C-alpha cells in the first residue's frame, strides 16, 4: 500500500503536520514515512562542533528530529508501520520525488525559516503546485468539528477533489459540505454571457448542476452525510470563512477557465494562505 509521506524539520509546524499525517495514515490503514532533508550545502559549509564525531552537525540534528518525531508517533499509533528517511538535497525536489509513489504528501504551513502569518511558506506552495499526489498543508492544531469542506467549480480537477473529499469523509466519519462559489467575470461589463449571471435563477441553476455532479459520489459513499451550496461571491473568501469550522478544506489545484476567481490556481493559492484548517490540494493525475 502507498505510504502517507510527511516532511519534517525543526519547526513546531512540522510536528503538527507529522501528527496530522499519522492520524491520516491510521484512518486509511496506510504506512507512514517521515522525511527530513538536510541541505546539500550543509555538508560543505557547516563546521563540526567538538565531539560531534564523524557526522556533520546538520545530519546529527536531522537524525534527532526524526528520532523524536518517530518515537512520539509510534507511542500514539503502536500498530501503524512508521519509517523514516534522512535525505540530502533541496527539500522541494526530494519531496516531489517521494510524491510520485505516495498516497499523500503532508507538510506544515511554514518551515523552520519562518514566515509571518497568515502566509504559507514557499515549500508548501511549490509542493501543492507540482506534486503528483494530493498535498495537505497543515496550518494549526487539528480540531474536531467532524466536517470537511470541498470547493467545486465543474472542472476535471474539481472532480478529483470531490473523490478525495468523499473518501476522507468516509474514512473519518465526517460530514461533507460541497461548495460552488461563483461570480461574474472581471470583464463583466463587456462579457457576452453577462445575462447568465444576472438571471434570477442563476444560483438555482448552479445548485442543480452541483447536485448532479455530486450524485455519483453520493451513490458510491452512501454513508457520508453531504450537503451542497452555491453561494454568490469570491471563492477564496467563502471557502476561507467556512474553513474556520472545518477539519479539512479540499480544493483542486486549478479551477475551470472563465471565472475570475477560479483561474490559474488562484483559489488553491488563496486558501493555502488564509484557510484556518489544513488544506488538501488535489491534482487530476
C-alpha atoms as a PDB file:
ATOM      1  CA  UNK A   1       0.000   0.000   0.000  1.00  0.00           C
ATOM      2  CA  UNK A   2       1.186   3.503  -0.789  1.00  0.00           C
ATOM      3  CA  UNK A   3       2.508   5.462   2.182  1.00  0.00           C
ATOM      4  CA  UNK A   4       1.472   8.812   3.593  1.00  0.00           C
ATOM      5  CA  UNK A   5       4.660  10.914   3.426  1.00  0.00           C
ATOM      6  CA  UNK A   6       5.291  13.823   5.772  1.00  0.00           C
ATOM      7  CA  UNK A   7       8.186  16.262   5.555  1.00  0.00           C
ATOM      8  CA  UNK A   8       9.535  17.489   8.889  1.00  0.00           C
ATOM      9  CA  UNK A   9      12.106  19.987  10.111  1.00  0.00           C
ATOM     10  CA  UNK A  10      12.765  21.661  13.464  1.00  0.00           C
ATOM     11  CA  UNK A  11       9.683  23.916  13.379  1.00  0.00           C
ATOM     12  CA  UNK A  12       6.583  23.459  15.583  1.00  0.00           C
ATOM     13  CA  UNK A  13       4.524  23.372  12.389  1.00  0.00           C
ATOM     14  CA  UNK A  14       6.353  20.240  11.279  1.00  0.00           C
ATOM     15  CA  UNK A  15       5.312  18.442  14.472  1.00  0.00           C
ATOM     16  CA  UNK A  16       1.680  19.379  13.834  1.00  0.00           C
ATOM     17  CA  UNK A  17       1.997  18.130  10.252  1.00  0.00           C
ATOM     18  CA  UNK A  18       3.511  14.836  11.438  1.00  0.00           C
ATOM     19  CA  UNK A  19       0.707  14.341  13.941  1.00  0.00           C
ATOM     20  CA  UNK A  20      -1.931  15.039  11.273  1.00  0.00           C
ATOM     21  CA  UNK A  21      -0.227  12.719   8.783  1.00  0.00           C
ATOM     22  CA  UNK A  22      -0.059   9.907  11.322  1.00  0.00           C
ATOM     23  CA  UNK A  23      -3.760  10.181  12.113  1.00  0.00           C
ATOM     24  CA  UNK A  24      -4.496  10.201   8.388  1.00  0.00           C
ATOM     25  CA  UNK A  25      -2.390   7.099   7.761  1.00  0.00           C
ATOM     26  CA  UNK A  26      -4.046   5.310  10.662  1.00  0.00           C
ATOM     27  CA  UNK A  27      -7.535   6.176   9.354  1.00  0.00           C
ATOM     28  CA  UNK A  28      -6.748   4.595   5.986  1.00  0.00           C
ATOM     29  CA  UNK A  29      -4.637   1.701   7.268  1.00  0.00           C
ATOM     30  CA  UNK A  30      -1.627   3.051   5.377  1.00  0.00           C
ATOM     31  CA  UNK A  31       2.058   3.136   6.389  1.00  0.00           C
ATOM     32  CA  UNK A  32       3.695   6.443   7.312  1.00  0.00           C
ATOM     33  CA  UNK A  33       7.044   7.709   6.028  1.00  0.00           C
ATOM     34  CA  UNK A  34       8.690  10.633   7.852  1.00  0.00           C
ATOM     35  CA  UNK A  35      11.289  12.518   5.781  1.00  0.00           C
ATOM     36  CA  UNK A  36      13.827  15.126   6.880  1.00  0.00           C
ATOM     37  CA  UNK A  37      16.034  16.787   4.275  1.00  0.00           C
ATOM     38  CA  UNK A  38      19.491  18.160   5.006  1.00  0.00           C
ATOM     39  CA  UNK A  39      20.538  20.909   2.554  1.00  0.00           C
ATOM     40  CA  UNK A  40      23.404  19.780   0.334  1.00  0.00           C
ATOM     41  CA  UNK A  41      25.465  22.814   1.292  1.00  0.00           C
ATOM     42  CA  UNK A  42      25.437  21.717   4.953  1.00  0.00           C
ATOM     43  CA  UNK A  43      27.985  19.004   4.240  1.00  0.00           C
ATOM     44  CA  UNK A  44      30.404  21.533   2.802  1.00  0.00           C
ATOM     45  CA  UNK A  45      29.901  24.692   4.847  1.00  0.00           C
ATOM     46  CA  UNK A  46      28.840  23.738   8.368  1.00  0.00           C
ATOM     47  CA  UNK A  47      31.733  23.208  10.750  1.00  0.00           C
ATOM     48  CA  UNK A  48      31.631  20.180  13.007  1.00  0.00           C
ATOM     49  CA  UNK A  49      31.473  21.134  16.687  1.00  0.00           C
ATOM     50  CA  UNK A  50      33.954  19.484  19.057  1.00  0.00           C
ATOM     51  CA  UNK A  51      32.997  15.931  19.960  1.00  0.00           C
ATOM     52  CA  UNK A  52      30.383  15.650  17.214  1.00  0.00           C
ATOM     53  CA  UNK A  53      32.063  12.615  15.689  1.00  0.00           C
ATOM     54  CA  UNK A  54      32.170  11.802  12.007  1.00  0.00           C
ATOM     55  CA  UNK A  55      28.674  13.119  11.185  1.00  0.00           C
ATOM     56  CA  UNK A  56      28.159  16.744  10.150  1.00  0.00           C
ATOM     57  CA  UNK A  57      26.184  18.815  12.625  1.00  0.00           C
ATOM     58  CA  UNK A  58      23.187  19.194  10.287  1.00  0.00           C
ATOM     59  CA  UNK A  59      22.857  15.428   9.895  1.00  0.00           C
ATOM     60  CA  UNK A  60      23.008  14.967  13.641  1.00  0.00           C
ATOM     61  CA  UNK A  61      20.190  17.474  14.044  1.00  0.00           C
ATOM     62  CA  UNK A  62      18.212  15.698  11.330  1.00  0.00           C
ATOM     63  CA  UNK A  63      18.614  12.330  12.999  1.00  0.00           C
ATOM     64  CA  UNK A  64      17.456  13.787  16.303  1.00  0.00           C
ATOM     65  CA  UNK A  65      14.394  15.347  14.665  1.00  0.00           C
ATOM     66  CA  UNK A  66      13.448  12.055  13.027  1.00  0.00           C
ATOM     67  CA  UNK A  67      14.035  10.067  16.202  1.00  0.00           C
ATOM     68  CA  UNK A  68      11.905  12.402  18.314  1.00  0.00           C
ATOM     69  CA  UNK A  69       9.044  12.502  15.790  1.00  0.00           C
ATOM     70  CA  UNK A  70       9.013   8.764  15.132  1.00  0.00           C
ATOM     71  CA  UNK A  71       9.201   7.874  18.831  1.00  0.00           C
ATOM     72  CA  UNK A  72       6.218  10.102  19.579  1.00  0.00           C
ATOM     73  CA  UNK A  73       4.144   8.747  16.696  1.00  0.00           C
ATOM     74  CA  UNK A  74       4.945   5.109  17.454  1.00  0.00           C
ATOM     75  CA  UNK A  75       3.780   5.655  21.008  1.00  0.00           C
ATOM     76  CA  UNK A  76       0.484   7.164  19.821  1.00  0.00           C
ATOM     77  CA  UNK A  77      -0.067   4.678  16.976  1.00  0.00           C
ATOM     78  CA  UNK A  78       1.649   1.440  18.059  1.00  0.00           C
ATOM     79  CA  UNK A  79       0.060  -0.690  15.310  1.00  0.00           C
ATOM     80  CA  UNK A  80       0.897   1.627  12.405  1.00  0.00           C
ATOM     81  CA  UNK A  81       4.034   0.961  10.296  1.00  0.00           C
ATOM     82  CA  UNK A  82       6.284   4.020  10.606  1.00  0.00           C
ATOM     83  CA  UNK A  83       9.556   4.514   8.718  1.00  0.00           C
ATOM     84  CA  UNK A  84      11.891   7.482   8.404  1.00  0.00           C
ATOM     85  CA  UNK A  85      14.440   8.745   5.897  1.00  0.00           C
ATOM     86  CA  UNK A  86      17.239  11.312   6.225  1.00  0.00           C
ATOM     87  CA  UNK A  87      17.952  12.768   2.800  1.00  0.00           C
ATOM     88  CA  UNK A  88      20.387  15.307   1.394  1.00  0.00           C
ATOM     89  CA  UNK A  89      19.401  17.870  -1.194  1.00  0.00           C
ATOM     90  CA  UNK A  90      16.801  20.521  -1.914  1.00  0.00           C
ATOM     91  CA  UNK A  91      13.678  19.954   0.170  1.00  0.00           C
ATOM     92  CA  UNK A  92      11.087  20.521  -2.569  1.00  0.00           C
ATOM     93  CA  UNK A  93      12.959  18.343  -5.061  1.00  0.00           C
ATOM     94  CA  UNK A  94      13.273  15.466  -2.610  1.00  0.00           C
ATOM     95  CA  UNK A  95       9.654  15.603  -1.500  1.00  0.00           C
ATOM     96  CA  UNK A  96       8.394  15.860  -5.082  1.00  0.00           C
ATOM     97  CA  UNK A  97      10.323  12.688  -5.850  1.00  0.00           C
ATOM     98  CA  UNK A  98       8.624  10.975  -2.903  1.00  0.00           C
ATOM     99  CA  UNK A  99       5.245  12.225  -4.104  1.00  0.00           C
ATOM    100  CA  UNK A 100       5.480  10.156  -7.289  1.00  0.00           C
ATOM    101  CA  UNK A 101       4.764   6.980  -5.324  1.00  0.00           C
ATOM    102  CA  UNK A 102       2.980   8.395  -2.257  1.00  0.00           C
ATOM    103  CA  UNK A 103      -0.660   8.190  -1.292  1.00  0.00           C
ATOM    104  CA  UNK A 104      -0.493  11.665   0.184  1.00  0.00           C
ATOM    105  CA  UNK A 105       2.193  14.276   0.927  1.00  0.00           C
ATOM    106  CA  UNK A 106       1.876  16.347   4.113  1.00  0.00           C
ATOM    107  CA  UNK A 107       3.863  19.418   5.215  1.00  0.00           C
ATOM    108  CA  UNK A 108       3.487  22.224   7.718  1.00  0.00           C
ATOM    109  CA  UNK A 109       2.377  25.679   6.628  1.00  0.00           C
ATOM    110  CA  UNK A 110       5.735  27.232   7.461  1.00  0.00           C
ATOM    111  CA  UNK A 111       9.129  25.669   7.958  1.00  0.00           C
ATOM    112  CA  UNK A 112      11.951  26.478  10.323  1.00  0.00           C
ATOM    113  CA  UNK A 113      12.851  29.576   8.289  1.00  0.00           C
ATOM    114  CA  UNK A 114       9.706  31.308   9.497  1.00  0.00           C
ATOM    115  CA  UNK A 115       7.086  33.322   7.623  1.00  0.00           C
ATOM    116  CA  UNK A 116       4.722  35.756   9.300  1.00  0.00           C
ATOM    117  CA  UNK A 117       1.075  34.688   9.479  1.00  0.00           C
ATOM    118  CA  UNK A 118      -1.042  34.083   7.524  1.00  0.00           C
ATOM    119  CA  UNK A 119       1.302  33.215   4.662  1.00  0.00           C
ATOM    120  CA  UNK A 120       2.273  29.680   3.722  1.00  0.00           C
ATOM    121  CA  UNK A 121       5.975  29.135   3.121  1.00  0.00           C
ATOM    122  CA  UNK A 122       7.443  28.502  -0.331  1.00  0.00           C
ATOM    123  CA  UNK A 123       7.893  24.758   0.247  1.00  0.00           C
ATOM    124  CA  UNK A 124       4.175  24.219   0.788  1.00  0.00           C
ATOM    125  CA  UNK A 125       3.244  26.365  -2.212  1.00  0.00           C
ATOM    126  CA  UNK A 126       5.654  24.607  -4.574  1.00  0.00           C
ATOM    127  CA  UNK A 127       4.619  21.145  -3.453  1.00  0.00           C
ATOM    128  CA  UNK A 128       0.938  21.999  -3.794  1.00  0.00           C
ATOM    129  CA  UNK A 129       1.558  23.270  -7.316  1.00  0.00           C
ATOM    130  CA  UNK A 130       3.716  20.423  -8.641  1.00  0.00           C
ATOM    131  CA  UNK A 131       3.303  17.209  -6.629  1.00  0.00           C
ATOM    132  CA  UNK A 132       1.993  14.106  -8.394  1.00  0.00           C
ATOM    133  CA  UNK A 133      -0.197  13.166  -5.434  1.00  0.00           C
ATOM    134  CA  UNK A 134      -2.586  15.048  -3.145  1.00  0.00           C
ATOM    135  CA  UNK A 135      -0.801  17.553  -0.890  1.00  0.00           C
ATOM    136  CA  UNK A 136      -2.038  18.610   2.547  1.00  0.00           C
ATOM    137  CA  UNK A 137      -0.643  21.750   4.154  1.00  0.00           C
ATOM    138  CA  UNK A 138      -1.284  21.785   7.909  1.00  0.00           C
ATOM    139  CA  UNK A 139      -1.580  25.239   9.436  1.00  0.00           C
ATOM    140  CA  UNK A 140      -2.708  24.738  13.021  1.00  0.00           C
ATOM    141  CA  UNK A 141      -3.525  22.129  15.602  1.00  0.00           C
ATOM    142  CA  UNK A 142      -6.300  19.823  14.430  1.00  0.00           C
ATOM    143  CA  UNK A 143      -9.753  20.477  15.870  1.00  0.00           C
ATOM    144  CA  UNK A 144     -12.609  18.019  15.686  1.00  0.00           C
ATOM    145  CA  UNK A 145     -15.612  19.623  14.019  1.00  0.00           C
ATOM    146  CA  UNK A 146     -16.471  16.439  12.148  1.00  0.00           C
ATOM    147  CA  UNK A 147     -16.822  18.453   8.950  1.00  0.00           C
ATOM    148  CA  UNK A 148     -14.930  18.540   5.652  1.00  0.00           C
ATOM    149  CA  UNK A 149     -15.434  21.328   3.091  1.00  0.00           C
ATOM    150  CA  UNK A 150     -14.782  20.798  -0.626  1.00  0.00           C
ATOM    151  CA  UNK A 151     -14.663  23.538  -3.236  1.00  0.00           C
ATOM    152  CA  UNK A 152     -16.143  22.660  -6.637  1.00  0.00           C
ATOM    153  CA  UNK A 153     -16.170  24.513  -9.963  1.00  0.00           C
ATOM    154  CA  UNK A 154     -17.074  21.843 -12.504  1.00  0.00           C
ATOM    155  CA  UNK A 155     -13.552  21.171 -13.783  1.00  0.00           C
ATOM    156  CA  UNK A 156     -11.880  17.764 -14.033  1.00  0.00           C
ATOM    157  CA  UNK A 157      -9.623  18.807 -11.184  1.00  0.00           C
ATOM    158  CA  UNK A 158     -12.671  19.583  -9.060  1.00  0.00           C
ATOM    159  CA  UNK A 159     -14.000  16.092  -9.789  1.00  0.00           C
ATOM    160  CA  UNK A 160     -10.746  14.653  -8.438  1.00  0.00           C
ATOM    161  CA  UNK A 161     -11.128  16.873  -5.368  1.00  0.00           C
ATOM    162  CA  UNK A 162     -14.667  15.551  -4.856  1.00  0.00           C
ATOM    163  CA  UNK A 163     -13.446  11.962  -4.980  1.00  0.00           C
ATOM    164  CA  UNK A 164     -10.763  12.742  -2.396  1.00  0.00           C
ATOM    165  CA  UNK A 165     -13.184  14.641  -0.153  1.00  0.00           C
ATOM    166  CA  UNK A 166     -15.743  11.814  -0.130  1.00  0.00           C
ATOM    167  CA  UNK A 167     -13.049   9.246   0.666  1.00  0.00           C
ATOM    168  CA  UNK A 168     -11.813  11.431   3.537  1.00  0.00           C
ATOM    169  CA  UNK A 169     -15.307  11.965   4.916  1.00  0.00           C
ATOM    170  CA  UNK A 170     -15.943   8.210   4.779  1.00  0.00           C
ATOM    171  CA  UNK A 171     -12.659   7.312   6.482  1.00  0.00           C
ATOM    172  CA  UNK A 172     -13.105   9.849   9.280  1.00  0.00           C
ATOM    173  CA  UNK A 173     -16.886   9.628   9.738  1.00  0.00           C
ATOM    174  CA  UNK A 174     -17.190  13.318   8.888  1.00  0.00           C
ATOM    175  CA  UNK A 175     -19.949  15.354   7.262  1.00  0.00           C
ATOM    176  CA  UNK A 176     -19.127  16.795   3.858  1.00  0.00           C
ATOM    177  CA  UNK A 177     -20.041  20.277   2.643  1.00  0.00           C
ATOM    178  CA  UNK A 178     -19.573  20.794  -1.120  1.00  0.00           C
ATOM    179  CA  UNK A 179     -19.458  24.445  -2.159  1.00  0.00           C
ATOM    180  CA  UNK A 180     -19.585  26.036  -5.606  1.00  0.00           C
ATOM    181  CA  UNK A 181     -18.841  29.752  -5.184  1.00  0.00           C
ATOM    182  CA  UNK A 182     -19.486  31.787  -8.319  1.00  0.00           C
ATOM    183  CA  UNK A 183     -19.320  35.365  -9.528  1.00  0.00           C
ATOM    184  CA  UNK A 184     -19.253  37.329 -12.772  1.00  0.00           C
ATOM    185  CA  UNK A 185     -16.021  37.587 -14.778  1.00  0.00           C
ATOM    186  CA  UNK A 186     -13.743  40.587 -14.279  1.00  0.00           C
ATOM    187  CA  UNK A 187     -14.697  41.823 -17.762  1.00  0.00           C
ATOM    188  CA  UNK A 188     -18.375  41.617 -16.850  1.00  0.00           C
ATOM    189  CA  UNK A 189     -19.436  44.925 -18.493  1.00  0.00           C
ATOM    190  CA  UNK A 190     -18.487  43.527 -21.906  1.00  0.00           C
ATOM    191  CA  UNK A 191     -18.977  39.796 -21.306  1.00  0.00           C
ATOM    192  CA  UNK A 192     -21.376  38.363 -23.903  1.00  0.00           C
ATOM    193  CA  UNK A 193     -22.879  35.953 -21.356  1.00  0.00           C
ATOM    194  CA  UNK A 194     -23.338  38.504 -18.572  1.00  0.00           C
ATOM    195  CA  UNK A 195     -27.105  37.969 -18.609  1.00  0.00           C
ATOM    196  CA  UNK A 196     -26.496  34.479 -17.274  1.00  0.00           C
ATOM    197  CA  UNK A 197     -25.003  35.932 -14.096  1.00  0.00           C
ATOM    198  CA  UNK A 198     -27.834  38.456 -13.663  1.00  0.00           C
ATOM    199  CA  UNK A 199     -30.581  35.905 -14.159  1.00  0.00           C
ATOM    200  CA  UNK A 200     -32.834  35.476 -11.085  1.00  0.00           C
ATOM    201  CA  UNK A 201     -32.413  31.695 -11.247  1.00  0.00           C
ATOM    202  CA  UNK A 202     -28.606  31.790 -11.670  1.00  0.00           C
ATOM    203  CA  UNK A 203     -27.993  30.366  -8.194  1.00  0.00           C
ATOM    204  CA  UNK A 204     -30.575  27.619  -8.621  1.00  0.00           C
ATOM    205  CA  UNK A 205     -29.115  26.521 -11.946  1.00  0.00           C
ATOM    206  CA  UNK A 206     -25.668  26.257 -10.427  1.00  0.00           C
ATOM    207  CA  UNK A 207     -27.004  24.396  -7.427  1.00  0.00           C
ATOM    208  CA  UNK A 208     -28.763  21.884  -9.687  1.00  0.00           C
ATOM    209  CA  UNK A 209     -25.575  21.364 -11.681  1.00  0.00           C
ATOM    210  CA  UNK A 210     -23.622  20.905  -8.462  1.00  0.00           C
ATOM    211  CA  UNK A 211     -26.048  18.289  -7.160  1.00  0.00           C
ATOM    212  CA  UNK A 212     -25.832  16.407 -10.457  1.00  0.00           C
ATOM    213  CA  UNK A 213     -22.031  16.357 -10.171  1.00  0.00           C
ATOM    214  CA  UNK A 214     -22.182  15.152  -6.572  1.00  0.00           C
ATOM    215  CA  UNK A 215     -24.818  12.469  -7.174  1.00  0.00           C
ATOM    216  CA  UNK A 216     -22.448   9.684  -8.363  1.00  0.00           C
ATOM    217  CA  UNK A 217     -20.291  10.179  -5.282  1.00  0.00           C
ATOM    218  CA  UNK A 218     -23.360  10.079  -3.027  1.00  0.00           C
ATOM    219  CA  UNK A 219     -24.143   6.685  -4.539  1.00  0.00           C
ATOM    220  CA  UNK A 220     -20.594   5.431  -4.059  1.00  0.00           C
ATOM    221  CA  UNK A 221     -20.361   6.685  -0.457  1.00  0.00           C
ATOM    222  CA  UNK A 222     -23.932   6.339   0.908  1.00  0.00           C
ATOM    223  CA  UNK A 223     -22.605   6.516   4.471  1.00  0.00           C
ATOM    224  CA  UNK A 224     -21.384  10.109   4.000  1.00  0.00           C
ATOM    225  CA  UNK A 225     -23.736  12.891   5.066  1.00  0.00           C
ATOM    226  CA  UNK A 226     -23.310  15.558   2.365  1.00  0.00           C
ATOM    227  CA  UNK A 227     -24.804  18.960   1.617  1.00  0.00           C
ATOM    228  CA  UNK A 228     -24.388  21.223  -1.435  1.00  0.00           C
ATOM    229  CA  UNK A 229     -24.267  25.022  -1.597  1.00  0.00           C
ATOM    230  CA  UNK A 230     -23.884  27.542  -4.428  1.00  0.00           C
ATOM    231  CA  UNK A 231     -23.258  30.936  -2.812  1.00  0.00           C
ATOM    232  CA  UNK A 232     -22.547  34.032  -4.896  1.00  0.00           C
ATOM    233  CA  UNK A 233     -19.180  35.583  -4.051  1.00  0.00           C
ATOM    234  CA  UNK A 234     -15.428  35.209  -4.208  1.00  0.00           C
ATOM    235  CA  UNK A 235     -14.381  31.582  -3.825  1.00  0.00           C
ATOM    236  CA  UNK A 236     -11.357  32.289  -1.630  1.00  0.00           C
ATOM    237  CA  UNK A 237     -13.349  34.458   0.773  1.00  0.00           C
ATOM    238  CA  UNK A 238     -16.202  31.981   1.042  1.00  0.00           C
ATOM    239  CA  UNK A 239     -14.030  28.883   1.450  1.00  0.00           C
ATOM    240  CA  UNK A 240     -11.762  30.646   3.949  1.00  0.00           C
ATOM    241  CA  UNK A 241     -14.764  31.599   6.078  1.00  0.00           C
ATOM    242  CA  UNK A 242     -16.075  28.029   6.013  1.00  0.00           C
ATOM    243  CA  UNK A 243     -12.641  26.653   6.935  1.00  0.00           C
ATOM    244  CA  UNK A 244     -12.931  28.202  10.396  1.00  0.00           C
ATOM    245  CA  UNK A 245     -15.293  25.377  11.408  1.00  0.00           C
ATOM    246  CA  UNK A 246     -13.849  22.528   9.342  1.00  0.00           C
ATOM    247  CA  UNK A 247     -11.289  19.785   9.897  1.00  0.00           C
ATOM    248  CA  UNK A 248     -10.121  19.866   6.285  1.00  0.00           C
ATOM    249  CA  UNK A 249     -10.636  22.052   3.204  1.00  0.00           C
ATOM    250  CA  UNK A 250     -10.277  20.274  -0.164  1.00  0.00           C
ATOM    251  CA  UNK A 251      -9.691  22.156  -3.436  1.00  0.00           C
ATOM    252  CA  UNK A 252      -8.438  21.349  -6.903  1.00  0.00           C
ATOM    253  CA  UNK A 253      -5.029  22.576  -7.946  1.00  0.00           C
ATOM    254  CA  UNK A 254      -6.531  24.585 -10.817  1.00  0.00           C
ATOM    255  CA  UNK A 255     -10.072  25.689 -11.487  1.00  0.00           C
ATOM    256  CA  UNK A 256     -12.123  25.973 -14.639  1.00  0.00           C
ATOM    257  CA  UNK A 257     -11.486  28.841 -17.012  1.00  0.00           C
ATOM    258  CA  UNK A 258     -13.932  31.688 -17.430  1.00  0.00           C
ATOM    259  CA  UNK A 259     -14.492  32.599 -13.794  1.00  0.00           C
ATOM    260  CA  UNK A 260     -12.483  35.475 -12.442  1.00  0.00           C
ATOM    261  CA  UNK A 261     -11.740  33.785  -9.113  1.00  0.00           C
ATOM    262  CA  UNK A 262     -11.233  30.250 -10.465  1.00  0.00           C
ATOM    263  CA  UNK A 263      -8.292  30.628 -12.847  1.00  0.00           C
ATOM    264  CA  UNK A 264      -4.621  29.745 -12.750  1.00  0.00           C
ATOM    265  CA  UNK A 265      -4.748  28.122  -9.330  1.00  0.00           C
ATOM    266  CA  UNK A 266      -5.853  31.385  -7.689  1.00  0.00           C
ATOM    267  CA  UNK A 267      -8.277  29.622  -5.365  1.00  0.00           C
ATOM    268  CA  UNK A 268      -5.859  26.938  -4.183  1.00  0.00           C
ATOM    269  CA  UNK A 269      -3.145  29.540  -3.590  1.00  0.00           C
ATOM    270  CA  UNK A 270      -5.534  31.871  -1.808  1.00  0.00           C
ATOM    271  CA  UNK A 271      -6.906  29.275   0.594  1.00  0.00           C
ATOM    272  CA  UNK A 272      -3.425  27.931   1.295  1.00  0.00           C
ATOM    273  CA  UNK A 273      -2.504  31.400   2.545  1.00  0.00           C
ATOM    274  CA  UNK A 274      -5.648  32.143   4.519  1.00  0.00           C
ATOM    275  CA  UNK A 275      -7.596  28.998   5.475  1.00  0.00           C
ATOM    276  CA  UNK A 276      -7.978  28.265   9.173  1.00  0.00           C
ATOM    277  CA  UNK A 277      -7.702  24.468   8.846  1.00  0.00           C
ATOM    278  CA  UNK A 278      -5.495  22.002   6.933  1.00  0.00           C
ATOM    279  CA  UNK A 279      -5.855  22.372   3.157  1.00  0.00           C
ATOM    280  CA  UNK A 280      -5.717  19.486   0.677  1.00  0.00           C
ATOM    281  CA  UNK A 281      -4.771  20.427  -2.893  1.00  0.00           C
ATOM    282  CA  UNK A 282      -5.725  17.765  -5.437  1.00  0.00           C
ATOM    283  CA  UNK A 283      -4.281  17.275  -8.933  1.00  0.00           C
ATOM    284  CA  UNK A 284      -6.125  15.462 -11.741  1.00  0.00           C
ATOM    285  CA  UNK A 285      -3.396  12.808 -12.124  1.00  0.00           C
END
